[in-house]
């Protein structure tokens, strides 16, 4: 009888650990999926817009 109670108690505790681990994995994956498009848009915007120094050099060369 003690073994059954011990096994039941352990299974409840371990299921809590699995649930917490699964929830953490879901949150990390969601964060990665959300930040990926933001990084892509930022990189595209950076590629399109000139840097301040490069724009100044181009302006000086054309004068």
Protein backbone atom coordinates (compact mmCIF):
# COMPACT_ATOMS: atom_id res chain seq x y z
CA UNK A 1 0.00 0.00 0.00
CA UNK A 2 2.88 2.35 0.81
CA UNK A 3 4.38 1.76 -2.64
CA UNK A 4 1.13 2.69 -4.36
CA UNK A 5 0.89 5.93 -2.40
CA UNK A 6 4.56 6.69 -3.05
CA UNK A 7 4.20 5.97 -6.78
CA UNK A 8 1.08 8.12 -6.99
CA UNK A 9 2.75 10.99 -5.15
CA UNK A 10 5.84 10.83 -7.33
CA UNK A 11 3.76 10.77 -10.50
CA UNK A 12 1.93 13.91 -9.39
CA UNK A 13 5.18 15.72 -8.62
CA UNK A 14 6.83 14.67 -11.87
CA UNK A 15 3.84 15.67 -13.96
CA UNK A 16 4.14 19.15 -12.47
CA UNK A 17 7.78 19.31 -13.53
CA UNK A 18 6.91 18.17 -17.04
CA UNK A 19 4.16 20.77 -17.27
CA UNK A 20 6.49 23.54 -16.13
CA UNK A 21 9.17 22.45 -18.59
CA UNK A 22 6.67 22.27 -21.43
CA UNK A 23 5.29 25.72 -20.61
CA UNK A 24 8.80 27.18 -20.58
CA UNK A 25 9.57 25.63 -23.96
CA UNK A 26 6.36 27.03 -25.44
CA UNK A 27 7.12 30.53 -24.17
CA UNK A 28 10.68 30.43 -25.54
CA UNK A 29 9.51 29.18 -28.93
CA UNK A 30 6.80 31.83 -29.12
CA UNK A 31 9.30 34.54 -28.27
CA UNK A 32 11.67 33.30 -30.97
CA UNK A 33 8.89 33.21 -33.58
CA UNK A 34 7.78 36.74 -32.68
CA UNK A 35 11.27 38.27 -32.71
CA UNK A 36 12.32 36.73 -36.03
CA UNK A 37 10.08 38.92 -38.26
CA UNK A 38 11.00 41.98 -36.21
CA UNK A 39 14.70 41.32 -36.80
CA UNK A 40 14.07 40.76 -40.50
CA UNK A 41 12.21 44.05 -40.86
CA UNK A 42 14.94 45.85 -38.92
CA UNK A 43 17.63 44.39 -41.17
CA UNK A 44 15.71 45.36 -44.29
CA UNK A 45 15.20 48.90 -43.02
CA UNK A 46 18.89 49.16 -42.18
CA UNK A 47 19.84 47.94 -45.66
CA UNK A 48 17.58 50.47 -47.34
CA UNK A 49 18.43 53.55 -45.30
CA UNK A 50 21.97 54.94 -45.60
CA UNK A 51 24.19 55.43 -42.57
CA UNK A 52 24.90 58.98 -41.50
CA UNK A 53 28.62 58.79 -42.27
CA UNK A 54 28.12 57.27 -45.72
CA UNK A 55 25.58 59.93 -46.64
CA UNK A 56 27.98 62.66 -45.49
CA UNK A 57 30.83 61.18 -47.57
CA UNK A 58 28.63 60.98 -50.66
CA UNK A 59 27.54 64.58 -50.19
CA UNK A 60 31.17 65.74 -49.82
CA UNK A 61 32.27 63.78 -52.91
CA UNK A 62 29.60 65.34 -55.09
CA UNK A 63 30.62 68.90 -54.11
